[in-house]
Amino acid sequence: MNGIQILLIASVVVIMFFYIVRLRSAIFDLIILTIFSGLAIFFILFPEYTNDIARKMGVGRGADLLFYICIFFFIFIILKMFARIRRLESTLTELVRQQAIKEAQSQSTEVKEEGK
């Protein structure tokens, strides 16, 4: 094992550890992360297999195959972030709506009390 492999494996392990400890997401996300981390470590340790797998899949080089896989992984991440932003927007809209209703009710109560 050479220096770059140690560095890359350590990076994958640190990212996975950070994700598990700090972000604690759904079990599906954790499974996806574990699979991608395992594949990353496998391809780091045995880079010659990427070329074999790529040729079987009809891709010229292993680096190209990994690039295509990364594109799909990043699309997955972008979709997850988009879904999370939409959920946050919905939650914020609901909270603002509830706060506006409470303020309107309290103002109408104050107006009625002043009118007496």
PDB file of N, CA and C in Angstrom:
ATOM      1  N   MET A   1       0.855  -1.165   0.000  1.00  0.00           N
ATOM      2  CA  MET A   1       0.000   0.000   0.000  1.00  0.00           C
ATOM      3  C   MET A   1       0.906   1.234   0.000  1.00  0.00           C
ATOM      4  N   ASN A   2       0.605   2.165  -0.932  1.00  0.00           N
ATOM      5  CA  ASN A   2       1.436   3.355  -0.993  1.00  0.00           C
ATOM      6  C   ASN A   2       0.778   4.545  -0.297  1.00  0.00           C
ATOM      7  N   GLY A   3       1.481   5.669  -0.279  1.00  0.00           N
ATOM      8  CA  GLY A   3       1.039   6.830   0.487  1.00  0.00           C
ATOM      9  C   GLY A   3      -0.301   7.393   0.070  1.00  0.00           C
ATOM     10  N   ILE A   4      -0.557   7.475  -1.232  1.00  0.00           N
ATOM     11  CA  ILE A   4      -1.816   8.040  -1.699  1.00  0.00           C
ATOM     12  C   ILE A   4      -2.994   7.158  -1.304  1.00  0.00           C
ATOM     13  N   GLN A   5      -2.803   5.849  -1.311  1.00  0.00           N
ATOM     14  CA  GLN A   5      -3.888   4.948  -0.897  1.00  0.00           C
ATOM     15  C   GLN A   5      -4.231   5.166   0.573  1.00  0.00           C
ATOM     16  N   ILE A   6      -3.214   5.311   1.408  1.00  0.00           N
ATOM     17  CA  ILE A   6      -3.463   5.559   2.845  1.00  0.00           C
ATOM     18  C   ILE A   6      -4.208   6.875   3.023  1.00  0.00           C
ATOM     19  N   LEU A   7      -3.775   7.903   2.306  1.00  0.00           N
ATOM     20  CA  LEU A   7      -4.425   9.213   2.401  1.00  0.00           C
ATOM     21  C   LEU A   7      -5.876   9.146   1.932  1.00  0.00           C
ATOM     22  N   LEU A   8      -6.124   8.490   0.818  1.00  0.00           N
ATOM     23  CA  LEU A   8      -7.487   8.401   0.285  1.00  0.00           C
ATOM     24  C   LEU A   8      -8.397   7.577   1.193  1.00  0.00           C
ATOM     25  N   ILE A   9      -7.908   6.453   1.700  1.00  0.00           N
ATOM     26  CA  ILE A   9      -8.716   5.627   2.601  1.00  0.00           C
ATOM     27  C   ILE A   9      -9.019   6.391   3.882  1.00  0.00           C
ATOM     28  N   ALA A  10      -8.024   7.082   4.424  1.00  0.00           N
ATOM     29  CA  ALA A  10      -8.252   7.884   5.635  1.00  0.00           C
ATOM     30  C   ALA A  10      -9.306   8.957   5.371  1.00  0.00           C
ATOM     31  N   SER A  11      -9.272   9.576   4.200  1.00  0.00           N
ATOM     32  CA  SER A  11     -10.264  10.596   3.858  1.00  0.00           C
ATOM     33  C   SER A  11     -11.668  10.005   3.787  1.00  0.00           C
ATOM     34  N   VAL A  12     -11.798   8.845   3.172  1.00  0.00           N
ATOM     35  CA  VAL A  12     -13.105   8.189   3.076  1.00  0.00           C
ATOM     36  C   VAL A  12     -13.623   7.842   4.472  1.00  0.00           C
ATOM     37  N   VAL A  13     -12.768   7.313   5.325  1.00  0.00           N
ATOM     38  CA  VAL A  13     -13.180   6.937   6.684  1.00  0.00           C
ATOM     39  C   VAL A  13     -13.582   8.178   7.486  1.00  0.00           C
ATOM     40  N   VAL A  14     -12.821   9.265   7.371  1.00  0.00           N
ATOM     41  CA  VAL A  14     -13.146  10.498   8.105  1.00  0.00           C
ATOM     42  C   VAL A  14     -14.481  11.057   7.635  1.00  0.00           C
ATOM     43  N   ILE A  15     -14.716  11.077   6.328  1.00  0.00           N
ATOM     44  CA  ILE A  15     -15.988  11.583   5.804  1.00  0.00           C
ATOM     45  C   ILE A  15     -17.147  10.724   6.293  1.00  0.00           C
ATOM     46  N   MET A  16     -16.985   9.419   6.247  1.00  0.00           N
ATOM     47  CA  MET A  16     -18.049   8.524   6.714  1.00  0.00           C
ATOM     48  C   MET A  16     -18.288   8.715   8.210  1.00  0.00           C
ATOM     49  N   PHE A  17     -17.231   8.822   9.000  1.00  0.00           N
ATOM     50  CA  PHE A  17     -17.369   9.036  10.440  1.00  0.00           C
ATOM     51  C   PHE A  17     -18.073  10.356  10.730  1.00  0.00           C
ATOM     52  N   PHE A  18     -17.675  11.421  10.019  1.00  0.00           N
ATOM     53  CA  PHE A  18     -18.316  12.720  10.197  1.00  0.00           C
ATOM     54  C   PHE A  18     -19.799  12.636   9.871  1.00  0.00           C
ATOM     55  N   TYR A  19     -20.135  11.968   8.793  1.00  0.00           N
ATOM     56  CA  TYR A  19     -21.534  11.834   8.388  1.00  0.00           C
ATOM     57  C   TYR A  19     -22.343  11.104   9.455  1.00  0.00           C
ATOM     58  N   ILE A  20     -21.803  10.027   9.962  1.00  0.00           N
ATOM     59  CA  ILE A  20     -22.529   9.229  10.961  1.00  0.00           C
ATOM     60  C   ILE A  20     -22.695  10.000  12.261  1.00  0.00           C
ATOM     61  N   VAL A  21     -21.631  10.638  12.725  1.00  0.00           N
ATOM     62  CA  VAL A  21     -21.664  11.311  14.035  1.00  0.00           C
ATOM     63  C   VAL A  21     -22.432  12.620  13.973  1.00  0.00           C
ATOM     64  N   ARG A  22     -22.197  13.446  12.966  1.00  0.00           N
ATOM     65  CA  ARG A  22     -22.749  14.796  12.949  1.00  0.00           C
ATOM     66  C   ARG A  22     -24.093  14.912  12.246  1.00  0.00           C
ATOM     67  N   LEU A  23     -24.311  14.173  11.187  1.00  0.00           N
ATOM     68  CA  LEU A  23     -25.501  14.399  10.381  1.00  0.00           C
ATOM     69  C   LEU A  23     -26.635  13.427  10.666  1.00  0.00           C
ATOM     70  N   ARG A  24     -26.331  12.229  11.091  1.00  0.00           N
ATOM     71  CA  ARG A  24     -27.349  11.238  11.492  1.00  0.00           C
ATOM     72  C   ARG A  24     -28.610  11.300  10.646  1.00  0.00           C
ATOM     73  N   SER A  25     -28.535  10.790   9.477  1.00  0.00           N
ATOM     74  CA  SER A  25     -29.662  10.849   8.559  1.00  0.00           C
ATOM     75  C   SER A  25     -30.411   9.520   8.552  1.00  0.00           C
ATOM     76  N   ALA A  26     -31.287   9.388   7.611  1.00  0.00           N
ATOM     77  CA  ALA A  26     -32.117   8.189   7.496  1.00  0.00           C
ATOM     78  C   ALA A  26     -31.256   6.959   7.214  1.00  0.00           C
ATOM     79  N   ILE A  27     -31.797   5.811   7.509  1.00  0.00           N
ATOM     80  CA  ILE A  27     -31.071   4.553   7.344  1.00  0.00           C
ATOM     81  C   ILE A  27     -30.715   4.326   5.881  1.00  0.00           C
ATOM     82  N   PHE A  28     -31.578   4.746   4.960  1.00  0.00           N
ATOM     83  CA  PHE A  28     -31.292   4.592   3.531  1.00  0.00           C
ATOM     84  C   PHE A  28     -30.036   5.362   3.153  1.00  0.00           C
ATOM     85  N   ASP A  29     -29.920   6.598   3.649  1.00  0.00           N
ATOM     86  CA  ASP A  29     -28.724   7.404   3.368  1.00  0.00           C
ATOM     87  C   ASP A  29     -27.477   6.746   3.938  1.00  0.00           C
ATOM     88  N   LEU A  30     -27.617   6.195   5.120  1.00  0.00           N
ATOM     89  CA  LEU A  30     -26.473   5.533   5.753  1.00  0.00           C
ATOM     90  C   LEU A  30     -26.030   4.306   4.954  1.00  0.00           C
ATOM     91  N   ILE A  31     -26.989   3.569   4.432  1.00  0.00           N
ATOM     92  CA  ILE A  31     -26.664   2.399   3.604  1.00  0.00           C
ATOM     93  C   ILE A  31     -25.956   2.837   2.330  1.00  0.00           C
ATOM     94  N   ILE A  32     -26.480   3.876   1.672  1.00  0.00           N
ATOM     95  CA  ILE A  32     -25.853   4.394   0.453  1.00  0.00           C
ATOM     96  C   ILE A  32     -24.433   4.852   0.745  1.00  0.00           C
ATOM     97  N   LEU A  33     -24.256   5.588   1.848  1.00  0.00           N
ATOM     98  CA  LEU A  33     -22.924   6.069   2.211  1.00  0.00           C
ATOM     99  C   LEU A  33     -21.974   4.914   2.480  1.00  0.00           C
ATOM    100  N   THR A  34     -22.448   3.890   3.164  1.00  0.00           N
ATOM    101  CA  THR A  34     -21.609   2.732   3.462  1.00  0.00           C
ATOM    102  C   THR A  34     -21.198   2.012   2.178  1.00  0.00           C
ATOM    103  N   ILE A  35     -22.129   1.857   1.260  1.00  0.00           N
ATOM    104  CA  ILE A  35     -21.815   1.202  -0.010  1.00  0.00           C
ATOM    105  C   ILE A  35     -20.779   2.006  -0.781  1.00  0.00           C
ATOM    106  N   PHE A  36     -20.999   3.322  -0.902  1.00  0.00           N
ATOM    107  CA  PHE A  36     -20.048   4.149  -1.646  1.00  0.00           C
ATOM    108  C   PHE A  36     -18.688   4.191  -0.958  1.00  0.00           C
ATOM    109  N   SER A  37     -18.671   4.232   0.360  1.00  0.00           N
ATOM    110  CA  SER A  37     -17.395   4.238   1.078  1.00  0.00           C
ATOM    111  C   SER A  37     -16.661   2.917   0.880  1.00  0.00           C
ATOM    112  N   GLY A  38     -17.395   1.812   0.964  1.00  0.00           N
ATOM    113  CA  GLY A  38     -16.785   0.503   0.737  1.00  0.00           C
ATOM    114  C   GLY A  38     -16.222   0.368  -0.672  1.00  0.00           C
ATOM    115  N   LEU A  39     -16.998   0.838  -1.663  1.00  0.00           N
ATOM    116  CA  LEU A  39     -16.509   0.810  -3.041  1.00  0.00           C
ATOM    117  C   LEU A  39     -15.287   1.701  -3.221  1.00  0.00           C
ATOM    118  N   ALA A  40     -15.315   2.856  -2.587  1.00  0.00           N
ATOM    119  CA  ALA A  40     -14.165   3.760  -2.703  1.00  0.00           C
ATOM    120  C   ALA A  40     -12.911   3.104  -2.143  1.00  0.00           C
ATOM    121  N   ILE A  41     -13.027   2.509  -0.976  1.00  0.00           N
ATOM    122  CA  ILE A  41     -11.865   1.849  -0.370  1.00  0.00           C
ATOM    123  C   ILE A  41     -11.407   0.673  -1.237  1.00  0.00           C
ATOM    124  N   PHE A  42     -12.355  -0.097  -1.770  1.00  0.00           N
ATOM    125  CA  PHE A  42     -12.001  -1.216  -2.643  1.00  0.00           C
ATOM    126  C   PHE A  42     -11.237  -0.733  -3.874  1.00  0.00           C
ATOM    127  N   PHE A  43     -11.769   0.320  -4.529  1.00  0.00           N
ATOM    128  CA  PHE A  43     -11.113   0.824  -5.735  1.00  0.00           C
ATOM    129  C   PHE A  43      -9.787   1.495  -5.439  1.00  0.00           C
ATOM    130  N   ILE A  44      -9.631   2.036  -4.224  1.00  0.00           N
ATOM    131  CA  ILE A  44      -8.345   2.614  -3.837  1.00  0.00           C
ATOM    132  C   ILE A  44      -7.313   1.507  -3.638  1.00  0.00           C
ATOM    133  N   LEU A  45      -7.725   0.428  -2.996  1.00  0.00           N
ATOM    134  CA  LEU A  45      -6.792  -0.669  -2.731  1.00  0.00           C
ATOM    135  C   LEU A  45      -6.470  -1.487  -3.979  1.00  0.00           C
ATOM    136  N   PHE A  46      -7.452  -1.656  -4.849  1.00  0.00           N
ATOM    137  CA  PHE A  46      -7.283  -2.478  -6.050  1.00  0.00           C
ATOM    138  C   PHE A  46      -7.673  -1.690  -7.300  1.00  0.00           C
ATOM    139  N   PRO A  47      -6.860  -0.713  -7.709  1.00  0.00           N
ATOM    140  CA  PRO A  47      -7.238   0.131  -8.854  1.00  0.00           C
ATOM    141  C   PRO A  47      -7.320  -0.625 -10.179  1.00  0.00           C
ATOM    142  N   GLU A  48      -6.649  -1.755 -10.284  1.00  0.00           N
ATOM    143  CA  GLU A  48      -6.689  -2.497 -11.543  1.00  0.00           C
ATOM    144  C   GLU A  48      -8.078  -3.075 -11.825  1.00  0.00           C
ATOM    145  N   TYR A  49      -8.881  -3.303 -10.776  1.00  0.00           N
ATOM    146  CA  TYR A  49     -10.227  -3.839 -10.976  1.00  0.00           C
ATOM    147  C   TYR A  49     -11.161  -2.834 -11.633  1.00  0.00           C
ATOM    148  N   THR A  50     -10.866  -1.545 -11.466  1.00  0.00           N
ATOM    149  CA  THR A  50     -11.738  -0.558 -12.095  1.00  0.00           C
ATOM    150  C   THR A  50     -11.700  -0.686 -13.611  1.00  0.00           C
ATOM    151  N   ASN A  51     -10.526  -0.965 -14.164  1.00  0.00           N
ATOM    152  CA  ASN A  51     -10.428  -1.150 -15.615  1.00  0.00           C
ATOM    153  C   ASN A  51     -11.173  -2.401 -16.064  1.00  0.00           C
ATOM    154  N   ASP A  52     -11.044  -3.481 -15.299  1.00  0.00           N
ATOM    155  CA  ASP A  52     -11.751  -4.724 -15.649  1.00  0.00           C
ATOM    156  C   ASP A  52     -13.266  -4.520 -15.612  1.00  0.00           C
ATOM    157  N   ILE A  53     -13.744  -3.898 -14.565  1.00  0.00           N
ATOM    158  CA  ILE A  53     -15.190  -3.652 -14.430  1.00  0.00           C
ATOM    159  C   ILE A  53     -15.663  -2.705 -15.526  1.00  0.00           C
ATOM    160  N   ALA A  54     -14.870  -1.682 -15.805  1.00  0.00           N
ATOM    161  CA  ALA A  54     -15.248  -0.715 -16.846  1.00  0.00           C
ATOM    162  C   ALA A  54     -15.357  -1.393 -18.213  1.00  0.00           C
ATOM    163  N   ARG A  55     -14.400  -2.242 -18.539  1.00  0.00           N
ATOM    164  CA  ARG A  55     -14.448  -2.945 -19.830  1.00  0.00           C
ATOM    165  C   ARG A  55     -15.680  -3.838 -19.924  1.00  0.00           C
ATOM    166  N   LYS A  56     -16.035  -4.507 -18.829  1.00  0.00           N
ATOM    167  CA  LYS A  56     -17.230  -5.368 -18.838  1.00  0.00           C
ATOM    168  C   LYS A  56     -18.504  -4.550 -19.007  1.00  0.00           C
ATOM    169  N   MET A  57     -18.475  -3.291 -18.556  1.00  0.00           N
ATOM    170  CA  MET A  57     -19.657  -2.434 -18.663  1.00  0.00           C
ATOM    171  C   MET A  57     -19.661  -1.614 -19.949  1.00  0.00           C
ATOM    172  N   GLY A  58     -18.620  -1.746 -20.739  1.00  0.00           N
ATOM    173  CA  GLY A  58     -18.570  -1.049 -22.011  1.00  0.00           C
ATOM    174  C   GLY A  58     -17.963   0.342 -21.942  1.00  0.00           C
ATOM    175  N   VAL A  59     -17.259   0.629 -20.874  1.00  0.00           N
ATOM    176  CA  VAL A  59     -16.595   1.919 -20.720  1.00  0.00           C
ATOM    177  C   VAL A  59     -15.107   1.680 -20.950  1.00  0.00           C
ATOM    178  N   GLY A  60     -14.446   2.652 -21.568  1.00  0.00           N
ATOM    179  CA  GLY A  60     -13.052   2.471 -21.946  1.00  0.00           C
ATOM    180  C   GLY A  60     -12.089   2.294 -20.786  1.00  0.00           C
ATOM    181  N   ARG A  61     -12.154   3.176 -19.799  1.00  0.00           N
ATOM    182  CA  ARG A  61     -11.189   3.138 -18.698  1.00  0.00           C
ATOM    183  C   ARG A  61     -11.914   3.124 -17.359  1.00  0.00           C
ATOM    184  N   GLY A  62     -11.220   2.672 -16.351  1.00  0.00           N
ATOM    185  CA  GLY A  62     -11.778   2.652 -15.004  1.00  0.00           C
ATOM    186  C   GLY A  62     -12.014   4.046 -14.456  1.00  0.00           C
ATOM    187  N   ALA A  63     -11.129   4.972 -14.804  1.00  0.00           N
ATOM    188  CA  ALA A  63     -11.295   6.358 -14.353  1.00  0.00           C
ATOM    189  C   ALA A  63     -12.586   6.955 -14.902  1.00  0.00           C
ATOM    190  N   ASP A  64     -12.913   6.626 -16.155  1.00  0.00           N
ATOM    191  CA  ASP A  64     -14.165   7.115 -16.741  1.00  0.00           C
ATOM    192  C   ASP A  64     -15.371   6.537 -16.016  1.00  0.00           C
ATOM    193  N   LEU A  65     -15.307   5.253 -15.691  1.00  0.00           N
ATOM    194  CA  LEU A  65     -16.398   4.610 -14.964  1.00  0.00           C
ATOM    195  C   LEU A  65     -16.606   5.281 -13.610  1.00  0.00           C
ATOM    196  N   LEU A  66     -15.526   5.531 -12.895  1.00  0.00           N
ATOM    197  CA  LEU A  66     -15.637   6.199 -11.595  1.00  0.00           C
ATOM    198  C   LEU A  66     -16.191   7.605 -11.747  1.00  0.00           C
ATOM    199  N   PHE A  67     -15.804   8.283 -12.810  1.00  0.00           N
ATOM    200  CA  PHE A  67     -16.334   9.621 -13.070  1.00  0.00           C
ATOM    201  C   PHE A  67     -17.849   9.569 -13.278  1.00  0.00           C
ATOM    202  N   TYR A  68     -18.327   8.615 -14.060  1.00  0.00           N
ATOM    203  CA  TYR A  68     -19.764   8.475 -14.294  1.00  0.00           C
ATOM    204  C   TYR A  68     -20.507   8.143 -12.999  1.00  0.00           C
ATOM    205  N   ILE A  69     -19.938   7.279 -12.206  1.00  0.00           N
ATOM    206  CA  ILE A  69     -20.560   6.929 -10.924  1.00  0.00           C
ATOM    207  C   ILE A  69     -20.633   8.154 -10.017  1.00  0.00           C
ATOM    208  N   CYS A  70     -19.572   8.946 -10.005  1.00  0.00           N
ATOM    209  CA  CYS A  70     -19.562  10.164  -9.180  1.00  0.00           C
ATOM    210  C   CYS A  70     -20.627  11.151  -9.637  1.00  0.00           C
ATOM    211  N   ILE A  71     -20.850  11.236 -10.940  1.00  0.00           N
ATOM    212  CA  ILE A  71     -21.905  12.125 -11.440  1.00  0.00           C
ATOM    213  C   ILE A  71     -23.252  11.704 -10.855  1.00  0.00           C
ATOM    214  N   PHE A  72     -23.555  10.412 -10.880  1.00  0.00           N
ATOM    215  CA  PHE A  72     -24.823   9.938 -10.323  1.00  0.00           C
ATOM    216  C   PHE A  72     -24.887  10.155  -8.817  1.00  0.00           C
ATOM    217  N   PHE A  73     -23.779   9.963  -8.134  1.00  0.00           N
ATOM    218  CA  PHE A  73     -23.739  10.190  -6.684  1.00  0.00           C
ATOM    219  C   PHE A  73     -24.010  11.662  -6.372  1.00  0.00           C
ATOM    220  N   PHE A  74     -23.406  12.570  -7.126  1.00  0.00           N
ATOM    221  CA  PHE A  74     -23.629  13.994  -6.879  1.00  0.00           C
ATOM    222  C   PHE A  74     -25.059  14.402  -7.228  1.00  0.00           C
ATOM    223  N   ILE A  75     -25.636  13.806  -8.245  1.00  0.00           N
ATOM    224  CA  ILE A  75     -27.046  14.073  -8.547  1.00  0.00           C
ATOM    225  C   ILE A  75     -27.918  13.616  -7.384  1.00  0.00           C
ATOM    226  N   PHE A  76     -27.609  12.454  -6.811  1.00  0.00           N
ATOM    227  CA  PHE A  76     -28.333  11.962  -5.635  1.00  0.00           C
ATOM    228  C   PHE A  76     -28.221  12.971  -4.487  1.00  0.00           C
ATOM    229  N   ILE A  77     -27.025  13.474  -4.246  1.00  0.00           N
ATOM    230  CA  ILE A  77     -26.814  14.449  -3.168  1.00  0.00           C
ATOM    231  C   ILE A  77     -27.596  15.731  -3.440  1.00  0.00           C
ATOM    232  N   ILE A  78     -27.570  16.199  -4.681  1.00  0.00           N
ATOM    233  CA  ILE A  78     -28.297  17.421  -5.023  1.00  0.00           C
ATOM    234  C   ILE A  78     -29.790  17.226  -4.823  1.00  0.00           C
ATOM    235  N   LEU A  79     -30.325  16.088  -5.225  1.00  0.00           N
ATOM    236  CA  LEU A  79     -31.749  15.823  -5.028  1.00  0.00           C
ATOM    237  C   LEU A  79     -32.103  15.757  -3.541  1.00  0.00           C
ATOM    238  N   LYS A  80     -31.229  15.140  -2.738  1.00  0.00           N
ATOM    239  CA  LYS A  80     -31.474  15.091  -1.291  1.00  0.00           C
ATOM    240  C   LYS A  80     -31.483  16.505  -0.702  1.00  0.00           C
ATOM    241  N   MET A  81     -30.546  17.332  -1.133  1.00  0.00           N
ATOM    242  CA  MET A  81     -30.490  18.705  -0.624  1.00  0.00           C
ATOM    243  C   MET A  81     -31.712  19.498  -1.079  1.00  0.00           C
ATOM    244  N   PHE A  82     -32.144  19.302  -2.316  1.00  0.00           N
ATOM    245  CA  PHE A  82     -33.331  19.978  -2.811  1.00  0.00           C
ATOM    246  C   PHE A  82     -34.563  19.586  -2.004  1.00  0.00           C
ATOM    247  N   ALA A  83     -34.699  18.289  -1.720  1.00  0.00           N
ATOM    248  CA  ALA A  83     -35.835  17.818  -0.923  1.00  0.00           C
ATOM    249  C   ALA A  83     -35.796  18.409   0.479  1.00  0.00           C
ATOM    250  N   ARG A  84     -34.611  18.486   1.063  1.00  0.00           N
ATOM    251  CA  ARG A  84     -34.481  19.054   2.408  1.00  0.00           C
ATOM    252  C   ARG A  84     -34.834  20.543   2.405  1.00  0.00           C
ATOM    253  N   ILE A  85     -34.404  21.265   1.391  1.00  0.00           N
ATOM    254  CA  ILE A  85     -34.734  22.687   1.293  1.00  0.00           C
ATOM    255  C   ILE A  85     -36.235  22.876   1.146  1.00  0.00           C
ATOM    256  N   ARG A  86     -36.857  22.028   0.334  1.00  0.00           N
ATOM    257  CA  ARG A  86     -38.323  22.120   0.177  1.00  0.00           C
ATOM    258  C   ARG A  86     -39.043  21.868   1.501  1.00  0.00           C
ATOM    259  N   ARG A  87     -38.577  20.876   2.264  1.00  0.00           N
ATOM    260  CA  ARG A  87     -39.174  20.609   3.579  1.00  0.00           C
ATOM    261  C   ARG A  87     -38.998  21.799   4.511  1.00  0.00           C
ATOM    262  N   LEU A  88     -37.815  22.389   4.508  1.00  0.00           N
ATOM    263  CA  LEU A  88     -37.573  23.563   5.352  1.00  0.00           C
ATOM    264  C   LEU A  88     -38.451  24.736   4.937  1.00  0.00           C
ATOM    265  N   GLU A  89     -38.616  24.930   3.639  1.00  0.00           N
ATOM    266  CA  GLU A  89     -39.497  25.999   3.163  1.00  0.00           C
ATOM    267  C   GLU A  89     -40.931  25.766   3.616  1.00  0.00           C
ATOM    268  N   SER A  90     -41.397  24.537   3.536  1.00  0.00           N
ATOM    269  CA  SER A  90     -42.763  24.222   3.971  1.00  0.00           C
ATOM    270  C   SER A  90     -42.930  24.467   5.468  1.00  0.00           C
ATOM    271  N   THR A  91     -41.942  24.046   6.234  1.00  0.00           N
ATOM    272  CA  THR A  91     -41.996  24.253   7.683  1.00  0.00           C
ATOM    273  C   THR A  91     -41.989  25.736   8.013  1.00  0.00           C
ATOM    274  N   LEU A  92     -41.135  26.490   7.355  1.00  0.00           N
ATOM    275  CA  LEU A  92     -41.065  27.924   7.600  1.00  0.00           C
ATOM    276  C   LEU A  92     -42.366  28.611   7.211  1.00  0.00           C
ATOM    277  N   THR A  93     -42.938  28.221   6.077  1.00  0.00           N
ATOM    278  CA  THR A  93     -44.212  28.792   5.651  1.00  0.00           C
ATOM    279  C   THR A  93     -45.303  28.513   6.677  1.00  0.00           C
ATOM    280  N   GLU A  94     -45.354  27.305   7.190  1.00  0.00           N
ATOM    281  CA  GLU A  94     -46.366  26.952   8.189  1.00  0.00           C
ATOM    282  C   GLU A  94     -46.171  27.747   9.479  1.00  0.00           C
ATOM    283  N   LEU A  95     -44.928  27.891   9.909  1.00  0.00           N
ATOM    284  CA  LEU A  95     -44.661  28.662  11.127  1.00  0.00           C
ATOM    285  C   LEU A  95     -45.032  30.130  10.963  1.00  0.00           C
ATOM    286  N   VAL A  96     -44.701  30.710   9.828  1.00  0.00           N
ATOM    287  CA  VAL A  96     -45.047  32.110   9.572  1.00  0.00           C
ATOM    288  C   VAL A  96     -46.552  32.267   9.508  1.00  0.00           C
ATOM    289  N   ARG A  97     -47.226  31.328   8.880  1.00  0.00           N
ATOM    290  CA  ARG A  97     -48.690  31.378   8.791  1.00  0.00           C
ATOM    291  C   ARG A  97     -49.323  31.315  10.188  1.00  0.00           C
ATOM    292  N   GLN A  98     -48.850  30.402  11.025  1.00  0.00           N
ATOM    293  CA  GLN A  98     -49.379  30.294  12.390  1.00  0.00           C
ATOM    294  C   GLN A  98     -49.113  31.563  13.192  1.00  0.00           C
ATOM    295  N   GLN A  99     -47.918  32.126  13.048  1.00  0.00           N
ATOM    296  CA  GLN A  99     -47.582  33.350  13.767  1.00  0.00           C
ATOM    297  C   GLN A  99     -48.455  34.509  13.297  1.00  0.00           C
ATOM    298  N   ALA A 100     -48.705  34.605  12.007  1.00  0.00           N
ATOM    299  CA  ALA A 100     -49.560  35.670  11.478  1.00  0.00           C
ATOM    300  C   ALA A 100     -50.985  35.532  12.003  1.00  0.00           C
ATOM    301  N   ILE A 101     -51.496  34.321  12.085  1.00  0.00           N
ATOM    302  CA  ILE A 101     -52.846  34.092  12.606  1.00  0.00           C
ATOM    303  C   ILE A 101     -52.911  34.486  14.082  1.00  0.00           C
ATOM    304  N   LYS A 102     -51.894  34.111  14.863  1.00  0.00           N
ATOM    305  CA  LYS A 102     -51.868  34.481  16.287  1.00  0.00           C
ATOM    306  C   LYS A 102     -51.831  36.001  16.469  1.00  0.00           C
ATOM    307  N   GLU A 103     -51.020  36.676  15.670  1.00  0.00           N
ATOM    308  CA  GLU A 103     -50.936  38.130  15.778  1.00  0.00           C
ATOM    309  C   GLU A 103     -52.245  38.786  15.367  1.00  0.00           C
ATOM    310  N   ALA A 104     -52.877  38.273  14.324  1.00  0.00           N
ATOM    311  CA  ALA A 104     -54.154  38.829  13.887  1.00  0.00           C
ATOM    312  C   ALA A 104     -55.220  38.632  14.952  1.00  0.00           C
ATOM    313  N   GLN A 105     -55.223  37.467  15.600  1.00  0.00           N
ATOM    314  CA  GLN A 105     -56.195  37.210  16.656  1.00  0.00           C
ATOM    315  C   GLN A 105     -55.945  38.110  17.859  1.00  0.00           C
ATOM    316  N   SER A 106     -54.691  38.306  18.237  1.00  0.00           N
ATOM    317  CA  SER A 106     -54.391  39.157  19.383  1.00  0.00           C
ATOM    318  C   SER A 106     -54.715  40.620  19.074  1.00  0.00           C
ATOM    319  N   GLN A 107     -54.501  41.067  17.833  1.00  0.00           N
ATOM    320  CA  GLN A 107     -54.845  42.436  17.469  1.00  0.00           C
ATOM    321  C   GLN A 107     -56.349  42.634  17.450  1.00  0.00           C
ATOM    322  N   SER A 108     -57.100  41.638  16.993  1.00  0.00           N
ATOM    323  CA  SER A 108     -58.559  41.774  16.981  1.00  0.00           C
ATOM    324  C   SER A 108     -59.104  41.781  18.398  1.00  0.00           C
ATOM    325  N   THR A 109     -58.469  41.043  19.297  1.00  0.00           N
ATOM    326  CA  THR A 109     -58.869  41.052  20.702  1.00  0.00           C
ATOM    327  C   THR A 109     -58.585  42.422  21.327  1.00  0.00           C
ATOM    328  N   GLU A 110     -57.441  43.004  21.000  1.00  0.00           N
ATOM    329  CA  GLU A 110     -57.092  44.327  21.524  1.00  0.00           C
ATOM    330  C   GLU A 110     -58.049  45.390  21.015  1.00  0.00           C
ATOM    331  N   VAL A 111     -58.441  45.298  19.744  1.00  0.00           N
ATOM    332  CA  VAL A 111     -59.376  46.264  19.162  1.00  0.00           C
ATOM    333  C   VAL A 111     -60.735  46.152  19.836  1.00  0.00           C
ATOM    334  N   LYS A 112     -61.178  44.938  20.101  1.00  0.00           N
ATOM    335  CA  LYS A 112     -62.464  44.742  20.764  1.00  0.00           C
ATOM    336  C   LYS A 112     -62.432  45.289  22.184  1.00  0.00           C
ATOM    337  N   GLU A 113     -61.322  45.107  22.874  1.00  0.00           N
ATOM    338  CA  GLU A 113     -61.201  45.604  24.247  1.00  0.00           C
ATOM    339  C   GLU A 113     -61.128  47.127  24.278  1.00  0.00           C
ATOM    340  N   GLU A 114     -60.497  47.751  23.298  1.00  0.00           N
ATOM    341  CA  GLU A 114     -60.435  49.214  23.214  1.00  0.00           C
ATOM    342  C   GLU A 114     -61.800  49.796  22.875  1.00  0.00           C
ATOM    343  N   GLY A 115     -62.589  49.063  22.131  1.00  0.00           N
ATOM    344  CA  GLY A 115     -63.914  49.536  21.708  1.00  0.00           C
ATOM    345  C   GLY A 115     -64.930  49.514  22.848  1.00  0.00           C
ATOM    346  N   LYS A 116     -64.665  48.855  23.931  1.00  0.00           N
ATOM    347  CA  LYS A 116     -65.640  48.760  25.031  1.00  0.00           C
ATOM    348  C   LYS A 116     -65.689  49.983  25.842  1.00  0.00           C
TER     349      LYS A 116
END
